[in-house]
C-alpha atoms as a PDB file:
ATOM      1  CA  MET A   1      -0.936  16.881 -11.571  1.00  0.00           C
ATOM      2  CA  GLN A   2       1.919  15.031 -13.237  1.00  0.00           C
ATOM      3  CA  ASP A   3       4.001  15.419 -10.062  1.00  0.00           C
ATOM      4  CA  ILE A   4       1.288  13.684  -8.048  1.00  0.00           C
ATOM      5  CA  GLN A   5       1.103  10.895 -10.619  1.00  0.00           C
ATOM      6  CA  LYS A   6       4.884  10.460 -10.416  1.00  0.00           C
ATOM      7  CA  ILE A   7       4.703  10.162  -6.634  1.00  0.00           C
ATOM      8  CA  VAL A   8       1.858   7.624  -6.792  1.00  0.00           C
ATOM      9  CA  ASN A   9       3.747   5.588  -9.389  1.00  0.00           C
ATOM     10  CA  PHE A  10       6.901   5.732  -7.245  1.00  0.00           C
ATOM     11  CA  VAL A  11       4.986   4.524  -4.185  1.00  0.00           C
ATOM     12  CA  THR A  12       3.346   1.726  -6.182  1.00  0.00           C
ATOM     13  CA  THR A  13       6.640   0.534  -7.619  1.00  0.00           C
ATOM     14  CA  SER A  14       8.514   0.808  -4.350  1.00  0.00           C
ATOM     15  CA  ASN A  15       5.733  -1.161  -2.585  1.00  0.00           C
ATOM     16  CA  TRP A  16       6.438  -4.171  -4.772  1.00  0.00           C
ATOM     17  CA  LEU A  17      10.218  -3.751  -4.599  1.00  0.00           C
ATOM     18  CA  LEU A  18      10.205  -3.471  -0.814  1.00  0.00           C
ATOM     19  CA  LEU A  19       7.961  -6.524  -0.634  1.00  0.00           C
ATOM     20  CA  LEU A  20      10.300  -8.467  -2.902  1.00  0.00           C
ATOM     21  CA  PHE A  21      13.491  -7.526  -1.068  1.00  0.00           C
ATOM     22  CA  GLY A  22      11.916  -7.759   2.383  1.00  0.00           C
ATOM     23  CA  GLY A  23      10.528 -11.182   1.569  1.00  0.00           C
ATOM     24  CA  MET A  24      13.857 -12.410   0.243  1.00  0.00           C
ATOM     25  CA  ILE A  25      15.751 -11.120   3.269  1.00  0.00           C
ATOM     26  CA  GLY A  26      13.095 -12.594   5.543  1.00  0.00           C
ATOM     27  CA  LEU A  27      13.360 -15.994   3.876  1.00  0.00           C
ATOM     28  CA  MET A  28      17.132 -15.981   4.217  1.00  0.00           C
ATOM     29  CA  MET A  29      17.476 -14.641   7.756  1.00  0.00           C
ATOM     30  CA  THR A  30      14.334 -15.365   9.787  1.00  0.00           C
ATOM     31  CA  PRO A  31      12.179 -18.356  10.723  1.00  0.00           C
ATOM     32  CA  MET A  32       9.597 -19.431   8.155  1.00  0.00           C
ATOM     33  CA  LYS A  33       6.549 -18.081  10.054  1.00  0.00           C
ATOM     34  CA  PHE A  34       8.173 -14.669  10.392  1.00  0.00           C
ATOM     35  CA  ALA A  35       9.166 -14.573   6.705  1.00  0.00           C
ATOM     36  CA  LEU A  36       5.683 -15.701   5.677  1.00  0.00           C
ATOM     37  CA  GLY A  37       4.275 -12.887   7.817  1.00  0.00           C
ATOM     38  CA  ILE A  38       6.440 -10.347   5.987  1.00  0.00           C
ATOM     39  CA  ILE A  39       5.397 -11.686   2.594  1.00  0.00           C
ATOM     40  CA  LEU A  40       1.670 -12.021   3.295  1.00  0.00           C
ATOM     41  CA  GLY A  41       1.489  -8.700   5.148  1.00  0.00           C
ATOM     42  CA  GLY A  42       3.266  -6.970   2.283  1.00  0.00           C
ATOM     43  CA  LEU A  43       0.932  -8.602  -0.227  1.00  0.00           C
ATOM     44  CA  ILE A  44      -2.141  -7.485   1.696  1.00  0.00           C
ATOM     45  CA  ALA A  45      -0.881  -3.902   1.929  1.00  0.00           C
ATOM     46  CA  ALA A  46       0.405  -3.648  -1.657  1.00  0.00           C
ATOM     47  CA  VAL A  47      -2.728  -5.159  -3.202  1.00  0.00           C
ATOM     48  CA  ASN A  48      -4.899  -2.926  -1.035  1.00  0.00           C
ATOM     49  CA  PHE A  49      -2.973   0.152  -2.188  1.00  0.00           C
ATOM     50  CA  GLN A  50      -3.199  -0.975  -5.819  1.00  0.00           C
ATOM     51  CA  LEU A  51      -6.977  -1.446  -5.566  1.00  0.00           C
ATOM     52  CA  LEU A  52      -7.396   1.930  -3.860  1.00  0.00           C
ATOM     53  CA  LYS A  53      -5.384   3.577  -6.629  1.00  0.00           C
ATOM     54  CA  LYS A  54      -7.541   1.892  -9.276  1.00  0.00           C
ATOM     55  CA  THR A  55     -10.784   2.860  -7.520  1.00  0.00           C
ATOM     56  CA  LEU A  56      -9.791   6.502  -7.178  1.00  0.00           C
ATOM     57  CA  LYS A  57      -8.513   6.676 -10.733  1.00  0.00           C
ATOM     58  CA  ASN A  58     -11.758   5.243 -12.145  1.00  0.00           C
ATOM     59  CA  MET A  59     -14.120   7.203  -9.905  1.00  0.00           C
ATOM     60  CA  PHE A  60     -12.606  10.658 -10.285  1.00  0.00           C
ATOM     61  CA  GLN A  61     -12.596  10.874 -14.054  1.00  0.00           C
ATOM     62  CA  PRO A  62     -14.487  13.974 -15.261  1.00  0.00           C
ATOM     63  CA  ASP A  63     -17.289  12.060 -16.997  1.00  0.00           C
ATOM     64  CA  VAL A  64     -17.918   9.855 -13.949  1.00  0.00           C
ATOM     65  CA  VAL A  65     -17.911  12.845 -11.581  1.00  0.00           C
ATOM     66  CA  SER A  66     -20.411  14.771 -13.694  1.00  0.00           C
ATOM     67  CA  GLU A  67     -22.645  11.704 -14.019  1.00  0.00           C
ATOM     68  CA  ARG A  68     -22.693  10.513 -10.398  1.00  0.00           C
ATOM     69  CA  GLY A  69     -22.124  13.718  -8.469  1.00  0.00           C
ATOM     70  CA  ARG A  70     -22.504  13.391  -4.700  1.00  0.00           C
ATOM     71  CA  SER A  71     -22.925   9.608  -4.661  1.00  0.00           C
ATOM     72  CA  LEU A  72     -19.347   9.308  -5.876  1.00  0.00           C
ATOM     73  CA  VAL A  73     -17.810   9.724  -2.422  1.00  0.00           C
ATOM     74  CA  GLY A  74     -20.227   7.164  -1.008  1.00  0.00           C
ATOM     75  CA  ASN A  75     -19.203   4.636  -3.640  1.00  0.00           C
ATOM     76  CA  VAL A  76     -15.514   5.174  -2.924  1.00  0.00           C
ATOM     77  CA  LEU A  77     -16.069   4.828   0.821  1.00  0.00           C
ATOM     78  CA  ILE A  78     -18.134   1.661   0.441  1.00  0.00           C
ATOM     79  CA  LYS A  79     -15.395   0.033  -1.624  1.00  0.00           C
ATOM     80  CA  TYR A  80     -12.793   1.216   0.878  1.00  0.00           C
ATOM     81  CA  TYR A  81     -14.630  -0.275   3.852  1.00  0.00           C
ATOM     82  CA  ILE A  82     -15.239  -3.555   2.034  1.00  0.00           C
ATOM     83  CA  ARG A  83     -11.497  -3.840   1.353  1.00  0.00           C
ATOM     84  CA  PHE A  84     -10.791  -2.852   4.955  1.00  0.00           C
ATOM     85  CA  ALA A  85     -13.109  -5.573   6.294  1.00  0.00           C
ATOM     86  CA  ILE A  86     -11.636  -8.223   3.993  1.00  0.00           C
ATOM     87  CA  SER A  87      -8.099  -7.226   4.968  1.00  0.00           C
ATOM     88  CA  GLY A  88      -9.007  -7.303   8.644  1.00  0.00           C
ATOM     89  CA  ALA A  89     -10.571 -10.753   8.291  1.00  0.00           C
ATOM     90  CA  MET A  90      -7.488 -12.050   6.485  1.00  0.00           C
ATOM     91  CA  ILE A  91      -5.176 -10.633   9.161  1.00  0.00           C
ATOM     92  CA  PHE A  92      -7.345 -12.127  11.894  1.00  0.00           C
ATOM     93  CA  LEU A  93      -7.295 -15.563  10.260  1.00  0.00           C
ATOM     94  CA  LEU A  94      -3.541 -15.452   9.693  1.00  0.00           C
ATOM     95  CA  ILE A  95      -2.829 -14.576  13.322  1.00  0.00           C
ATOM     96  CA  SER A  96      -5.530 -16.672  15.024  1.00  0.00           C
ATOM     97  CA  ASN A  97      -4.585 -19.835  13.119  1.00  0.00           C
ATOM     98  CA  HIS A  98      -0.887 -19.239  13.929  1.00  0.00           C
ATOM     99  CA  ILE A  99       0.058 -19.237  10.240  1.00  0.00           C
ATOM    100  CA  VAL A 100       2.333 -16.212  10.572  1.00  0.00           C
ATOM    101  CA  HIS A 101       4.253 -14.418  13.302  1.00  0.00           C
ATOM    102  CA  PRO A 102       2.414 -11.180  14.240  1.00  0.00           C
ATOM    103  CA  LEU A 103       5.583  -9.052  14.159  1.00  0.00           C
ATOM    104  CA  GLY A 104       6.464 -10.344  10.693  1.00  0.00           C
ATOM    105  CA  LEU A 105       2.940  -9.534   9.547  1.00  0.00           C
ATOM    106  CA  LEU A 106       3.235  -6.044  11.014  1.00  0.00           C
ATOM    107  CA  LEU A 107       6.540  -5.566   9.254  1.00  0.00           C
ATOM    108  CA  GLY A 108       4.980  -6.665   5.963  1.00  0.00           C
ATOM    109  CA  LEU A 109       1.970  -4.411   6.424  1.00  0.00           C
ATOM    110  CA  SER A 110       4.377  -1.482   6.840  1.00  0.00           C
ATOM    111  CA  VAL A 111       5.520  -1.725   3.217  1.00  0.00           C
ATOM    112  CA  VAL A 112       3.191   1.046   2.029  1.00  0.00           C
ATOM    113  CA  VAL A 113       4.155   3.299   4.947  1.00  0.00           C
ATOM    114  CA  ALA A 114       7.845   2.811   4.145  1.00  0.00           C
ATOM    115  CA  SER A 115       7.207   3.563   0.463  1.00  0.00           C
ATOM    116  CA  MET A 116       5.360   6.765   1.313  1.00  0.00           C
ATOM    117  CA  PHE A 117       8.135   7.776   3.705  1.00  0.00           C
ATOM    118  CA  MET A 118      10.726   7.213   0.959  1.00  0.00           C
ATOM    119  CA  ALA A 119       8.647   9.242  -1.509  1.00  0.00           C
ATOM    120  CA  THR A 120       8.352  12.077   1.015  1.00  0.00           C
ATOM    121  CA  VAL A 121      12.094  12.140   1.693  1.00  0.00           C
ATOM    122  CA  LEU A 122      12.830  12.057  -2.038  1.00  0.00           C
ATOM    123  CA  GLU A 123      10.451  14.933  -2.773  1.00  0.00           C
ATOM    124  CA  LEU A 124      11.788  17.007   0.114  1.00  0.00           C
ATOM    125  CA  THR A 125      15.376  16.550  -1.055  1.00  0.00           C
ATOM    126  CA  ARG A 126      14.349  17.547  -4.580  1.00  0.00           C
ATOM    127  CA  LEU A 127      12.589  20.610  -3.206  1.00  0.00           C
ATOM    128  CA  PHE A 128      15.517  21.709  -1.017  1.00  0.00           C
ATOM    129  CA  PHE A 129      18.160  21.152  -3.677  1.00  0.00           C
ATOM    130  CA  LYS A 130      15.986  22.877  -6.260  1.00  0.00           C
ATOM    131  CA  GLU A 131      15.717  25.952  -3.999  1.00  0.00           C
ATOM    132  CA  ALA A 132      19.428  25.903  -3.171  1.00  0.00           C
ATOM    133  CA  VAL A 133      20.399  26.251  -6.844  1.00  0.00           C
END
């Protein structure tokens, strides 16, 4: 279980670092709408991941599971879909009002995917080098 917690912490930390560096590079090298898309998309994705992590951590504690039972999954899904709808509305407003460039927003929203990809590569290299020794 500690390995899973390490991976989740790595993904959480790398989300914010990728957002920071991606936003800085975007501000230096791209037009303002594109850079704003990277920053706002990354914020939406990173905050969404953080809230999902918090929800799952709070809901799947042993005392909560024994108390709520089957309704637990329903509660998690309701919170997930509420966050999904809010994120979708924010993305729609950002694109429809021409506040951000859609490709910059897509790049920013990919922060969590990139963090998970990095965590996967890191774990696979640890696994292969551990077996090679």
